[in-house]
Amino acid sequence: MKVRGIRGAITVEKDTPEEVLEATKELLFKIKEENDFAVEDIASILFTVTSDVRSIFPAQAARMIGWDKVPLLCFQEIEVPGSLPRCIRVLVHINTEKSQEEIKHIYLREARKLRQDLVS
């Protein structure tokens, strides 16, 4: 079995714990739905946030939906001038037999601008 990475991102209007948690949950649910894997298949998840998101760790959302045994880690994105504000990014590593072409990367809300080549 191989380990594959699934990328995703979502933005929030305001940096509040409630909004960050809800947006992160939305992103994680959509990634799981589109890629059809079990929580047991997740090897680890890395989260990054832009410097203007600091009210709560997005990893807390994964714990809230029952992904509490998955190794989770949060980081801050590098500050690039003109980059997308209030953005939460994720890299989900899953154990799977799927090919790279079968993996569906998920970009929601304003984050769709980040990878227009991957969104439909």
PDB file of N, CA and C in Angstrom:
ATOM      1  N   MET A   1       0.842  -1.178   0.000  1.00  0.00           N
ATOM      2  CA  MET A   1       0.000   0.000   0.000  1.00  0.00           C
ATOM      3  C   MET A   1       0.889   1.243   0.000  1.00  0.00           C
ATOM      4  N   LYS A   2       0.458   2.255  -0.726  1.00  0.00           N
ATOM      5  CA  LYS A   2       1.213   3.496  -0.846  1.00  0.00           C
ATOM      6  C   LYS A   2       0.660   4.571   0.084  1.00  0.00           C
ATOM      7  N   VAL A   3       1.483   5.560   0.349  1.00  0.00           N
ATOM      8  CA  VAL A   3       1.020   6.751   1.054  1.00  0.00           C
ATOM      9  C   VAL A   3       0.880   7.843   0.002  1.00  0.00           C
ATOM     10  N   ARG A   4      -0.303   8.459  -0.043  1.00  0.00           N
ATOM     11  CA  ARG A   4      -0.569   9.554  -0.976  1.00  0.00           C
ATOM     12  C   ARG A   4      -0.930  10.795  -0.183  1.00  0.00           C
ATOM     13  N   GLY A   5      -0.606  11.942  -0.739  1.00  0.00           N
ATOM     14  CA  GLY A   5      -0.955  13.214  -0.123  1.00  0.00           C
ATOM     15  C   GLY A   5      -2.150  13.828  -0.813  1.00  0.00           C
ATOM     16  N   ILE A   6      -3.048  14.356  -0.025  1.00  0.00           N
ATOM     17  CA  ILE A   6      -4.212  15.077  -0.542  1.00  0.00           C
ATOM     18  C   ILE A   6      -4.101  16.512  -0.046  1.00  0.00           C
ATOM     19  N   ARG A   7      -4.066  17.451  -0.988  1.00  0.00           N
ATOM     20  CA  ARG A   7      -3.969  18.863  -0.643  1.00  0.00           C
ATOM     21  C   ARG A   7      -5.360  19.478  -0.587  1.00  0.00           C
ATOM     22  N   GLY A   8      -5.477  20.506   0.230  1.00  0.00           N
ATOM     23  CA  GLY A   8      -6.719  21.248   0.301  1.00  0.00           C
ATOM     24  C   GLY A   8      -6.495  22.582   0.969  1.00  0.00           C
ATOM     25  N   ALA A   9      -7.450  23.478   0.747  1.00  0.00           N
ATOM     26  CA  ALA A   9      -7.370  24.798   1.380  1.00  0.00           C
ATOM     27  C   ALA A   9      -8.762  25.413   1.417  1.00  0.00           C
ATOM     28  N   ILE A  10      -8.939  26.307   2.376  1.00  0.00           N
ATOM     29  CA  ILE A  10     -10.195  27.031   2.544  1.00  0.00           C
ATOM     30  C   ILE A  10      -9.866  28.368   3.196  1.00  0.00           C
ATOM     31  N   THR A  11     -10.709  29.343   3.002  1.00  0.00           N
ATOM     32  CA  THR A  11     -10.515  30.650   3.643  1.00  0.00           C
ATOM     33  C   THR A  11     -11.632  30.911   4.639  1.00  0.00           C
ATOM     34  N   VAL A  12     -11.361  31.851   5.540  1.00  0.00           N
ATOM     35  CA  VAL A  12     -12.370  32.310   6.494  1.00  0.00           C
ATOM     36  C   VAL A  12     -12.535  33.810   6.327  1.00  0.00           C
ATOM     37  N   GLU A  13     -13.736  34.302   6.611  1.00  0.00           N
ATOM     38  CA  GLU A  13     -13.996  35.743   6.550  1.00  0.00           C
ATOM     39  C   GLU A  13     -13.364  36.465   7.735  1.00  0.00           C
ATOM     40  N   LYS A  14     -13.481  35.823   8.929  1.00  0.00           N
ATOM     41  CA  LYS A  14     -12.939  36.414  10.154  1.00  0.00           C
ATOM     42  C   LYS A  14     -12.185  35.342  10.928  1.00  0.00           C
ATOM     43  N   ASP A  15     -11.159  35.764  11.624  1.00  0.00           N
ATOM     44  CA  ASP A  15     -10.387  34.852  12.455  1.00  0.00           C
ATOM     45  C   ASP A  15     -11.049  34.729  13.826  1.00  0.00           C
ATOM     46  N   THR A  16     -12.055  33.868  13.889  1.00  0.00           N
ATOM     47  CA  THR A  16     -12.670  33.538  15.171  1.00  0.00           C
ATOM     48  C   THR A  16     -12.556  32.023  15.345  1.00  0.00           C
ATOM     49  N   PRO A  17     -12.484  31.545  16.588  1.00  0.00           N
ATOM     50  CA  PRO A  17     -12.408  30.099  16.786  1.00  0.00           C
ATOM     51  C   PRO A  17     -13.544  29.351  16.088  1.00  0.00           C
ATOM     52  N   GLU A  18     -14.751  29.879  16.181  1.00  0.00           N
ATOM     53  CA  GLU A  18     -15.905  29.210  15.578  1.00  0.00           C
ATOM     54  C   GLU A  18     -15.761  29.102  14.065  1.00  0.00           C
ATOM     55  N   GLU A  19     -15.361  30.188  13.425  1.00  0.00           N
ATOM     56  CA  GLU A  19     -15.249  30.182  11.967  1.00  0.00           C
ATOM     57  C   GLU A  19     -14.094  29.301  11.490  1.00  0.00           C
ATOM     58  N   VAL A  20     -12.974  29.349  12.178  1.00  0.00           N
ATOM     59  CA  VAL A  20     -11.834  28.514  11.800  1.00  0.00           C
ATOM     60  C   VAL A  20     -12.188  27.036  11.951  1.00  0.00           C
ATOM     61  N   LEU A  21     -12.826  26.680  13.052  1.00  0.00           N
ATOM     62  CA  LEU A  21     -13.205  25.281  13.272  1.00  0.00           C
ATOM     63  C   LEU A  21     -14.227  24.804  12.240  1.00  0.00           C
ATOM     64  N   GLU A  22     -15.245  25.601  11.984  1.00  0.00           N
ATOM     65  CA  GLU A  22     -16.273  25.200  11.008  1.00  0.00           C
ATOM     66  C   GLU A  22     -15.695  25.066   9.602  1.00  0.00           C
ATOM     67  N   ALA A  23     -14.857  26.008   9.206  1.00  0.00           N
ATOM     68  CA  ALA A  23     -14.242  25.944   7.875  1.00  0.00           C
ATOM     69  C   ALA A  23     -13.335  24.723   7.759  1.00  0.00           C
ATOM     70  N   THR A  24     -12.555  24.466   8.786  1.00  0.00           N
ATOM     71  CA  THR A  24     -11.650  23.310   8.754  1.00  0.00           C
ATOM     72  C   THR A  24     -12.436  22.012   8.692  1.00  0.00           C
ATOM     73  N   LYS A  25     -13.501  21.910   9.468  1.00  0.00           N
ATOM     74  CA  LYS A  25     -14.346  20.713   9.409  1.00  0.00           C
ATOM     75  C   LYS A  25     -14.938  20.537   8.014  1.00  0.00           C
ATOM     76  N   GLU A  26     -15.429  21.624   7.440  1.00  0.00           N
ATOM     77  CA  GLU A  26     -15.987  21.572   6.081  1.00  0.00           C
ATOM     78  C   GLU A  26     -14.954  21.032   5.093  1.00  0.00           C
ATOM     79  N   LEU A  27     -13.734  21.531   5.178  1.00  0.00           N
ATOM     80  CA  LEU A  27     -12.663  21.097   4.286  1.00  0.00           C
ATOM     81  C   LEU A  27     -12.336  19.619   4.495  1.00  0.00           C
ATOM     82  N   LEU A  28     -12.192  19.198   5.743  1.00  0.00           N
ATOM     83  CA  LEU A  28     -11.851  17.801   6.021  1.00  0.00           C
ATOM     84  C   LEU A  28     -12.952  16.850   5.564  1.00  0.00           C
ATOM     85  N   PHE A  29     -14.214  17.198   5.819  1.00  0.00           N
ATOM     86  CA  PHE A  29     -15.329  16.356   5.374  1.00  0.00           C
ATOM     87  C   PHE A  29     -15.344  16.226   3.856  1.00  0.00           C
ATOM     88  N   LYS A  30     -15.094  17.328   3.153  1.00  0.00           N
ATOM     89  CA  LYS A  30     -15.110  17.307   1.687  1.00  0.00           C
ATOM     90  C   LYS A  30     -13.946  16.470   1.149  1.00  0.00           C
ATOM     91  N   ILE A  31     -12.779  16.580   1.753  1.00  0.00           N
ATOM     92  CA  ILE A  31     -11.632  15.771   1.344  1.00  0.00           C
ATOM     93  C   ILE A  31     -11.942  14.290   1.531  1.00  0.00           C
ATOM     94  N   LYS A  32     -12.515  13.937   2.674  1.00  0.00           N
ATOM     95  CA  LYS A  32     -12.858  12.534   2.951  1.00  0.00           C
ATOM     96  C   LYS A  32     -13.931  12.040   1.987  1.00  0.00           C
ATOM     97  N   GLU A  33     -14.949  12.840   1.755  1.00  0.00           N
ATOM     98  CA  GLU A  33     -16.044  12.464   0.855  1.00  0.00           C
ATOM     99  C   GLU A  33     -15.541  12.244  -0.573  1.00  0.00           C
ATOM    100  N   GLU A  34     -14.755  13.166  -1.076  1.00  0.00           N
ATOM    101  CA  GLU A  34     -14.288  13.092  -2.468  1.00  0.00           C
ATOM    102  C   GLU A  34     -13.243  12.008  -2.695  1.00  0.00           C
ATOM    103  N   ASN A  35     -12.521  11.619  -1.643  1.00  0.00           N
ATOM    104  CA  ASN A  35     -11.461  10.628  -1.800  1.00  0.00           C
ATOM    105  C   ASN A  35     -11.795   9.272  -1.199  1.00  0.00           C
ATOM    106  N   ASP A  36     -12.942   9.175  -0.541  1.00  0.00           N
ATOM    107  CA  ASP A  36     -13.492   7.907  -0.059  1.00  0.00           C
ATOM    108  C   ASP A  36     -12.462   7.047   0.695  1.00  0.00           C
ATOM    109  N   PHE A  37     -12.060   7.528   1.860  1.00  0.00           N
ATOM    110  CA  PHE A  37     -11.143   6.768   2.703  1.00  0.00           C
ATOM    111  C   PHE A  37     -11.710   6.691   4.112  1.00  0.00           C
ATOM    112  N   ALA A  38     -11.203   5.750   4.878  1.00  0.00           N
ATOM    113  CA  ALA A  38     -11.590   5.615   6.281  1.00  0.00           C
ATOM    114  C   ALA A  38     -10.601   6.409   7.142  1.00  0.00           C
ATOM    115  N   VAL A  39     -11.051   6.830   8.295  1.00  0.00           N
ATOM    116  CA  VAL A  39     -10.177   7.563   9.214  1.00  0.00           C
ATOM    117  C   VAL A  39      -8.948   6.717   9.535  1.00  0.00           C
ATOM    118  N   GLU A  40      -9.116   5.430   9.636  1.00  0.00           N
ATOM    119  CA  GLU A  40      -8.018   4.503   9.915  1.00  0.00           C
ATOM    120  C   GLU A  40      -6.938   4.543   8.827  1.00  0.00           C
ATOM    121  N   ASP A  41      -7.296   5.000   7.625  1.00  0.00           N
ATOM    122  CA  ASP A  41      -6.340   5.086   6.508  1.00  0.00           C
ATOM    123  C   ASP A  41      -5.435   6.322   6.592  1.00  0.00           C
ATOM    124  N   ILE A  42      -5.771   7.264   7.459  1.00  0.00           N
ATOM    125  CA  ILE A  42      -4.996   8.511   7.545  1.00  0.00           C
ATOM    126  C   ILE A  42      -3.695   8.252   8.302  1.00  0.00           C
ATOM    127  N   ALA A  43      -2.573   8.583   7.655  1.00  0.00           N
ATOM    128  CA  ALA A  43      -1.262   8.430   8.292  1.00  0.00           C
ATOM    129  C   ALA A  43      -0.945   9.652   9.156  1.00  0.00           C
ATOM    130  N   SER A  44      -1.228  10.846   8.631  1.00  0.00           N
ATOM    131  CA  SER A  44      -0.989  12.081   9.372  1.00  0.00           C
ATOM    132  C   SER A  44      -1.614  13.240   8.609  1.00  0.00           C
ATOM    133  N   ILE A  45      -1.753  14.363   9.300  1.00  0.00           N
ATOM    134  CA  ILE A  45      -2.283  15.570   8.668  1.00  0.00           C
ATOM    135  C   ILE A  45      -1.434  16.759   9.109  1.00  0.00           C
ATOM    136  N   LEU A  46      -1.031  17.561   8.124  1.00  0.00           N
ATOM    137  CA  LEU A  46      -0.309  18.806   8.386  1.00  0.00           C
ATOM    138  C   LEU A  46      -1.223  19.969   8.010  1.00  0.00           C
ATOM    139  N   PHE A  47      -1.349  20.929   8.898  1.00  0.00           N
ATOM    140  CA  PHE A  47      -2.137  22.131   8.662  1.00  0.00           C
ATOM    141  C   PHE A  47      -1.199  23.326   8.621  1.00  0.00           C
ATOM    142  N   THR A  48      -1.487  24.279   7.734  1.00  0.00           N
ATOM    143  CA  THR A  48      -0.809  25.566   7.798  1.00  0.00           C
ATOM    144  C   THR A  48      -1.874  26.652   7.776  1.00  0.00           C
ATOM    145  N   VAL A  49      -1.532  27.774   8.373  1.00  0.00           N
ATOM    146  CA  VAL A  49      -2.425  28.939   8.363  1.00  0.00           C
ATOM    147  C   VAL A  49      -1.607  30.173   8.029  1.00  0.00           C
ATOM    148  N   THR A  50      -2.254  31.142   7.425  1.00  0.00           N
ATOM    149  CA  THR A  50      -1.595  32.421   7.203  1.00  0.00           C
ATOM    150  C   THR A  50      -1.473  33.129   8.553  1.00  0.00           C
ATOM    151  N   SER A  51      -0.599  34.118   8.632  1.00  0.00           N
ATOM    152  CA  SER A  51      -0.301  34.767   9.917  1.00  0.00           C
ATOM    153  C   SER A  51      -1.501  35.500  10.509  1.00  0.00           C
ATOM    154  N   ASP A  52      -2.541  35.738   9.719  1.00  0.00           N
ATOM    155  CA  ASP A  52      -3.729  36.419  10.226  1.00  0.00           C
ATOM    156  C   ASP A  52      -4.774  35.453  10.789  1.00  0.00           C
ATOM    157  N   VAL A  53      -4.439  34.174  10.853  1.00  0.00           N
ATOM    158  CA  VAL A  53      -5.301  33.169  11.498  1.00  0.00           C
ATOM    159  C   VAL A  53      -4.540  32.671  12.717  1.00  0.00           C
ATOM    160  N   ARG A  54      -4.998  33.109  13.891  1.00  0.00           N
ATOM    161  CA  ARG A  54      -4.296  32.726  15.113  1.00  0.00           C
ATOM    162  C   ARG A  54      -5.232  32.513  16.303  1.00  0.00           C
ATOM    163  N   SER A  55      -6.534  32.456  16.060  1.00  0.00           N
ATOM    164  CA  SER A  55      -7.487  32.329  17.166  1.00  0.00           C
ATOM    165  C   SER A  55      -7.562  30.913  17.738  1.00  0.00           C
ATOM    166  N   ILE A  56      -7.223  29.898  16.919  1.00  0.00           N
ATOM    167  CA  ILE A  56      -7.295  28.510  17.365  1.00  0.00           C
ATOM    168  C   ILE A  56      -6.513  27.641  16.389  1.00  0.00           C
ATOM    169  N   PHE A  57      -6.032  26.511  16.857  1.00  0.00           N
ATOM    170  CA  PHE A  57      -5.355  25.564  15.973  1.00  0.00           C
ATOM    171  C   PHE A  57      -6.389  24.836  15.114  1.00  0.00           C
ATOM    172  N   PRO A  58      -6.235  24.797  13.790  1.00  0.00           N
ATOM    173  CA  PRO A  58      -7.189  24.060  12.956  1.00  0.00           C
ATOM    174  C   PRO A  58      -7.202  22.559  13.256  1.00  0.00           C
ATOM    175  N   ALA A  59      -6.127  22.028  13.803  1.00  0.00           N
ATOM    176  CA  ALA A  59      -6.102  20.610  14.165  1.00  0.00           C
ATOM    177  C   ALA A  59      -7.202  20.267  15.168  1.00  0.00           C
ATOM    178  N   GLN A  60      -7.617  21.245  15.941  1.00  0.00           N
ATOM    179  CA  GLN A  60      -8.703  21.008  16.907  1.00  0.00           C
ATOM    180  C   GLN A  60      -9.969  20.531  16.199  1.00  0.00           C
ATOM    181  N   ALA A  61     -10.212  21.013  14.986  1.00  0.00           N
ATOM    182  CA  ALA A  61     -11.395  20.591  14.222  1.00  0.00           C
ATOM    183  C   ALA A  61     -11.333  19.099  13.905  1.00  0.00           C
ATOM    184  N   ALA A  62     -10.144  18.605  13.573  1.00  0.00           N
ATOM    185  CA  ALA A  62      -9.992  17.172  13.289  1.00  0.00           C
ATOM    186  C   ALA A  62     -10.299  16.348  14.536  1.00  0.00           C
ATOM    187  N   ARG A  63      -9.842  16.813  15.668  1.00  0.00           N
ATOM    188  CA  ARG A  63     -10.135  16.097  16.918  1.00  0.00           C
ATOM    189  C   ARG A  63     -11.634  16.106  17.211  1.00  0.00           C
ATOM    190  N   MET A  64     -12.281  17.229  16.911  1.00  0.00           N
ATOM    191  CA  MET A  64     -13.715  17.364  17.184  1.00  0.00           C
ATOM    192  C   MET A  64     -14.565  16.408  16.347  1.00  0.00           C
ATOM    193  N   ILE A  65     -14.074  16.035  15.166  1.00  0.00           N
ATOM    194  CA  ILE A  65     -14.852  15.124  14.318  1.00  0.00           C
ATOM    195  C   ILE A  65     -14.425  13.667  14.493  1.00  0.00           C
ATOM    196  N   GLY A  66     -13.640  13.409  15.527  1.00  0.00           N
ATOM    197  CA  GLY A  66     -13.285  12.033  15.853  1.00  0.00           C
ATOM    198  C   GLY A  66     -11.970  11.549  15.271  1.00  0.00           C
ATOM    199  N   TRP A  67     -11.200  12.448  14.688  1.00  0.00           N
ATOM    200  CA  TRP A  67      -9.908  12.056  14.126  1.00  0.00           C
ATOM    201  C   TRP A  67      -8.824  12.261  15.180  1.00  0.00           C
ATOM    202  N   ASP A  68      -9.124  11.909  16.420  1.00  0.00           N
ATOM    203  CA  ASP A  68      -8.258  12.209  17.548  1.00  0.00           C
ATOM    204  C   ASP A  68      -7.062  11.279  17.705  1.00  0.00           C
ATOM    205  N   LYS A  69      -7.015  10.180  16.974  1.00  0.00           N
ATOM    206  CA  LYS A  69      -5.857   9.272  17.017  1.00  0.00           C
ATOM    207  C   LYS A  69      -4.872   9.550  15.876  1.00  0.00           C
ATOM    208  N   VAL A  70      -5.250  10.440  14.963  1.00  0.00           N
ATOM    209  CA  VAL A  70      -4.408  10.799  13.818  1.00  0.00           C
ATOM    210  C   VAL A  70      -3.340  11.790  14.263  1.00  0.00           C
ATOM    211  N   PRO A  71      -2.069  11.579  13.897  1.00  0.00           N
ATOM    212  CA  PRO A  71      -1.050  12.580  14.204  1.00  0.00           C
ATOM    213  C   PRO A  71      -1.336  13.881  13.448  1.00  0.00           C
ATOM    214  N   LEU A  72      -1.401  14.989  14.178  1.00  0.00           N
ATOM    215  CA  LEU A  72      -1.751  16.293  13.610  1.00  0.00           C
ATOM    216  C   LEU A  72      -0.691  17.315  13.986  1.00  0.00           C
ATOM    217  N   LEU A  73      -0.403  18.226  13.052  1.00  0.00           N
ATOM    218  CA  LEU A  73       0.579  19.257  13.343  1.00  0.00           C
ATOM    219  C   LEU A  73       0.202  20.532  12.607  1.00  0.00           C
ATOM    220  N   CYS A  74       0.351  21.669  13.274  1.00  0.00           N
ATOM    221  CA  CYS A  74       0.023  22.972  12.678  1.00  0.00           C
ATOM    222  C   CYS A  74       1.280  23.814  12.513  1.00  0.00           C
ATOM    223  N   PHE A  75       1.310  24.594  11.424  1.00  0.00           N
ATOM    224  CA  PHE A  75       2.425  25.471  11.100  1.00  0.00           C
ATOM    225  C   PHE A  75       1.881  26.800  10.607  1.00  0.00           C
ATOM    226  N   GLN A  76       2.755  27.800  10.551  1.00  0.00           N
ATOM    227  CA  GLN A  76       2.391  29.079   9.930  1.00  0.00           C
ATOM    228  C   GLN A  76       3.013  29.129   8.543  1.00  0.00           C
ATOM    229  N   GLU A  77       2.217  29.554   7.559  1.00  0.00           N
ATOM    230  CA  GLU A  77       2.703  29.749   6.188  1.00  0.00           C
ATOM    231  C   GLU A  77       3.724  30.875   6.163  1.00  0.00           C
ATOM    232  N   ILE A  78       4.642  30.829   5.215  1.00  0.00           N
ATOM    233  CA  ILE A  78       5.546  31.959   5.038  1.00  0.00           C
ATOM    234  C   ILE A  78       4.731  33.143   4.528  1.00  0.00           C
ATOM    235  N   GLU A  79       5.158  34.329   4.906  1.00  0.00           N
ATOM    236  CA  GLU A  79       4.431  35.538   4.508  1.00  0.00           C
ATOM    237  C   GLU A  79       4.953  36.042   3.172  1.00  0.00           C
ATOM    238  N   VAL A  80       4.185  35.785   2.136  1.00  0.00           N
ATOM    239  CA  VAL A  80       4.542  36.241   0.799  1.00  0.00           C
ATOM    240  C   VAL A  80       3.669  37.448   0.477  1.00  0.00           C
ATOM    241  N   PRO A  81       4.266  38.566   0.074  1.00  0.00           N
ATOM    242  CA  PRO A  81       3.465  39.753  -0.248  1.00  0.00           C
ATOM    243  C   PRO A  81       2.395  39.435  -1.302  1.00  0.00           C
ATOM    244  N   GLY A  82       1.176  39.887  -1.031  1.00  0.00           N
ATOM    245  CA  GLY A  82       0.074  39.688  -1.964  1.00  0.00           C
ATOM    246  C   GLY A  82      -0.570  38.318  -1.917  1.00  0.00           C
ATOM    247  N   SER A  83      -0.162  37.464  -0.984  1.00  0.00           N
ATOM    248  CA  SER A  83      -0.744  36.122  -0.913  1.00  0.00           C
ATOM    249  C   SER A  83      -2.156  36.172  -0.327  1.00  0.00           C
ATOM    250  N   LEU A  84      -2.880  35.107  -0.521  1.00  0.00           N
ATOM    251  CA  LEU A  84      -4.276  34.994  -0.090  1.00  0.00           C
ATOM    252  C   LEU A  84      -4.380  35.100   1.436  1.00  0.00           C
ATOM    253  N   PRO A  85      -5.183  36.031   1.959  1.00  0.00           N
ATOM    254  CA  PRO A  85      -5.314  36.171   3.416  1.00  0.00           C
ATOM    255  C   PRO A  85      -6.289  35.163   4.020  1.00  0.00           C
ATOM    256  N   ARG A  86      -6.179  35.012   5.336  1.00  0.00           N
ATOM    257  CA  ARG A  86      -7.084  34.183   6.141  1.00  0.00           C
ATOM    258  C   ARG A  86      -7.302  32.796   5.520  1.00  0.00           C
ATOM    259  N   CYS A  87      -6.207  32.123   5.242  1.00  0.00           N
ATOM    260  CA  CYS A  87      -6.255  30.844   4.541  1.00  0.00           C
ATOM    261  C   CYS A  87      -5.746  29.704   5.424  1.00  0.00           C
ATOM    262  N   ILE A  88      -6.483  28.616   5.396  1.00  0.00           N
ATOM    263  CA  ILE A  88      -6.120  27.383   6.096  1.00  0.00           C
ATOM    264  C   ILE A  88      -5.811  26.350   5.021  1.00  0.00           C
ATOM    265  N   ARG A  89      -4.602  25.801   5.073  1.00  0.00           N
ATOM    266  CA  ARG A  89      -4.205  24.774   4.109  1.00  0.00           C
ATOM    267  C   ARG A  89      -4.005  23.459   4.854  1.00  0.00           C
ATOM    268  N   VAL A  90      -4.156  22.357   4.124  1.00  0.00           N
ATOM    269  CA  VAL A  90      -4.005  21.049   4.735  1.00  0.00           C
ATOM    270  C   VAL A  90      -3.325  20.098   3.756  1.00  0.00           C
ATOM    271  N   LEU A  91      -2.547  19.184   4.316  1.00  0.00           N
ATOM    272  CA  LEU A  91      -1.971  18.079   3.568  1.00  0.00           C
ATOM    273  C   LEU A  91      -2.296  16.819   4.354  1.00  0.00           C
ATOM    274  N   VAL A  92      -3.197  16.014   3.796  1.00  0.00           N
ATOM    275  CA  VAL A  92      -3.637  14.773   4.433  1.00  0.00           C
ATOM    276  C   VAL A  92      -2.874  13.626   3.789  1.00  0.00           C
ATOM    277  N   HIS A  93      -2.147  12.851   4.582  1.00  0.00           N
ATOM    278  CA  HIS A  93      -1.432  11.673   4.085  1.00  0.00           C
ATOM    279  C   HIS A  93      -2.306  10.450   4.357  1.00  0.00           C
ATOM    280  N   ILE A  94      -2.648   9.713   3.298  1.00  0.00           N
ATOM    281  CA  ILE A  94      -3.461   8.508   3.485  1.00  0.00           C
ATOM    282  C   ILE A  94      -2.749   7.283   2.921  1.00  0.00           C
ATOM    283  N   ASN A  95      -3.020   6.144   3.524  1.00  0.00           N
ATOM    284  CA  ASN A  95      -2.577   4.861   3.000  1.00  0.00           C
ATOM    285  C   ASN A  95      -3.644   4.404   2.017  1.00  0.00           C
ATOM    286  N   THR A  96      -3.246   4.149   0.771  1.00  0.00           N
ATOM    287  CA  THR A  96      -4.237   3.845  -0.264  1.00  0.00           C
ATOM    288  C   THR A  96      -3.601   3.095  -1.426  1.00  0.00           C
ATOM    289  N   GLU A  97      -4.432   2.464  -2.196  1.00  0.00           N
ATOM    290  CA  GLU A  97      -4.011   1.846  -3.455  1.00  0.00           C
ATOM    291  C   GLU A  97      -4.306   2.769  -4.633  1.00  0.00           C
ATOM    292  N   LYS A  98      -4.896   3.929  -4.376  1.00  0.00           N
ATOM    293  CA  LYS A  98      -5.237   4.864  -5.451  1.00  0.00           C
ATOM    294  C   LYS A  98      -3.978   5.423  -6.104  1.00  0.00           C
ATOM    295  N   SER A  99      -4.105   5.730  -7.387  1.00  0.00           N
ATOM    296  CA  SER A  99      -3.013   6.367  -8.112  1.00  0.00           C
ATOM    297  C   SER A  99      -3.039   7.876  -7.845  1.00  0.00           C
ATOM    298  N   GLN A 100      -1.971   8.552  -8.212  1.00  0.00           N
ATOM    299  CA  GLN A 100      -1.928  10.007  -8.083  1.00  0.00           C
ATOM    300  C   GLN A 100      -3.089  10.653  -8.831  1.00  0.00           C
ATOM    301  N   GLU A 101      -3.420  10.110 -10.000  1.00  0.00           N
ATOM    302  CA  GLU A 101      -4.488  10.673 -10.817  1.00  0.00           C
ATOM    303  C   GLU A 101      -5.869  10.521 -10.177  1.00  0.00           C
ATOM    304  N   GLU A 102      -6.024   9.541  -9.315  1.00  0.00           N
ATOM    305  CA  GLU A 102      -7.313   9.310  -8.654  1.00  0.00           C
ATOM    306  C   GLU A 102      -7.533  10.203  -7.433  1.00  0.00           C
ATOM    307  N   ILE A 103      -6.487  10.803  -6.926  1.00  0.00           N
ATOM    308  CA  ILE A 103      -6.589  11.671  -5.750  1.00  0.00           C
ATOM    309  C   ILE A 103      -7.248  12.988  -6.152  1.00  0.00           C
ATOM    310  N   LYS A 104      -8.220  13.424  -5.338  1.00  0.00           N
ATOM    311  CA  LYS A 104      -8.925  14.680  -5.599  1.00  0.00           C
ATOM    312  C   LYS A 104      -8.525  15.708  -4.543  1.00  0.00           C
ATOM    313  N   HIS A 105      -7.835  16.726  -4.986  1.00  0.00           N
ATOM    314  CA  HIS A 105      -7.431  17.816  -4.104  1.00  0.00           C
ATOM    315  C   HIS A 105      -8.585  18.809  -4.022  1.00  0.00           C
ATOM    316  N   ILE A 106      -8.804  19.382  -2.839  1.00  0.00           N
ATOM    317  CA  ILE A 106     -10.001  20.181  -2.586  1.00  0.00           C
ATOM    318  C   ILE A 106      -9.631  21.615  -2.195  1.00  0.00           C
ATOM    319  N   TYR A 107     -10.142  22.554  -2.959  1.00  0.00           N
ATOM    320  CA  TYR A 107      -9.931  23.976  -2.686  1.00  0.00           C
ATOM    321  C   TYR A 107     -11.294  24.648  -2.651  1.00  0.00           C
ATOM    322  N   LEU A 108     -11.628  25.257  -1.511  1.00  0.00           N
ATOM    323  CA  LEU A 108     -12.953  25.822  -1.297  1.00  0.00           C
ATOM    324  C   LEU A 108     -12.883  27.328  -1.040  1.00  0.00           C
ATOM    325  N   ARG A 109     -14.002  27.975  -1.292  1.00  0.00           N
ATOM    326  CA  ARG A 109     -14.148  29.418  -1.088  1.00  0.00           C
ATOM    327  C   ARG A 109     -13.092  30.177  -1.891  1.00  0.00           C
ATOM    328  N   GLU A 110     -12.477  31.184  -1.304  1.00  0.00           N
ATOM    329  CA  GLU A 110     -11.481  31.980  -2.020  1.00  0.00           C
ATOM    330  C   GLU A 110     -10.213  31.187  -2.337  1.00  0.00           C
ATOM    331  N   ALA A 111     -10.007  30.085  -1.632  1.00  0.00           N
ATOM    332  CA  ALA A 111      -8.816  29.261  -1.865  1.00  0.00           C
ATOM    333  C   ALA A 111      -8.844  28.577  -3.231  1.00  0.00           C
ATOM    334  N   ARG A 112      -9.983  28.591  -3.897  1.00  0.00           N
ATOM    335  CA  ARG A 112     -10.059  28.041  -5.252  1.00  0.00           C
ATOM    336  C   ARG A 112      -9.070  28.744  -6.177  1.00  0.00           C
ATOM    337  N   LYS A 113      -8.733  29.985  -5.857  1.00  0.00           N
ATOM    338  CA  LYS A 113      -7.782  30.761  -6.659  1.00  0.00           C
ATOM    339  C   LYS A 113      -6.371  30.184  -6.616  1.00  0.00           C
ATOM    340  N   LEU A 114      -6.064  29.434  -5.562  1.00  0.00           N
ATOM    341  CA  LEU A 114      -4.707  28.920  -5.375  1.00  0.00           C
ATOM    342  C   LEU A 114      -4.335  27.880  -6.426  1.00  0.00           C
ATOM    343  N   ARG A 115      -5.278  27.014  -6.768  1.00  0.00           N
ATOM    344  CA  ARG A 115      -4.989  25.938  -7.716  1.00  0.00           C
ATOM    345  C   ARG A 115      -6.159  25.769  -8.674  1.00  0.00           C
ATOM    346  N   GLN A 116      -6.332  26.732  -9.541  1.00  0.00           N
ATOM    347  CA  GLN A 116      -7.427  26.683 -10.507  1.00  0.00           C
ATOM    348  C   GLN A 116      -7.296  25.483 -11.439  1.00  0.00           C
ATOM    349  N   ASP A 117      -6.088  24.965 -11.575  1.00  0.00           N
ATOM    350  CA  ASP A 117      -5.892  23.786 -12.416  1.00  0.00           C
ATOM    351  C   ASP A 117      -6.460  22.513 -11.774  1.00  0.00           C
ATOM    352  N   LEU A 118      -6.730  22.543 -10.469  1.00  0.00           N
ATOM    353  CA  LEU A 118      -7.230  21.359  -9.775  1.00  0.00           C
ATOM    354  C   LEU A 118      -8.719  21.444  -9.400  1.00  0.00           C
ATOM    355  N   VAL A 119      -9.349  22.599  -9.560  1.00  0.00           N
ATOM    356  CA  VAL A 119     -10.751  22.729  -9.186  1.00  0.00           C
ATOM    357  C   VAL A 119     -11.623  22.720 -10.443  1.00  0.00           C
ATOM    358  N   SER A 120     -12.818  22.159 -10.263  1.00  0.00           N
ATOM    359  CA  SER A 120     -13.719  22.095 -11.433  1.00  0.00           C
ATOM    360  C   SER A 120     -14.758  23.175 -11.367  1.00  0.00           C
TER     361      SER A 120
END
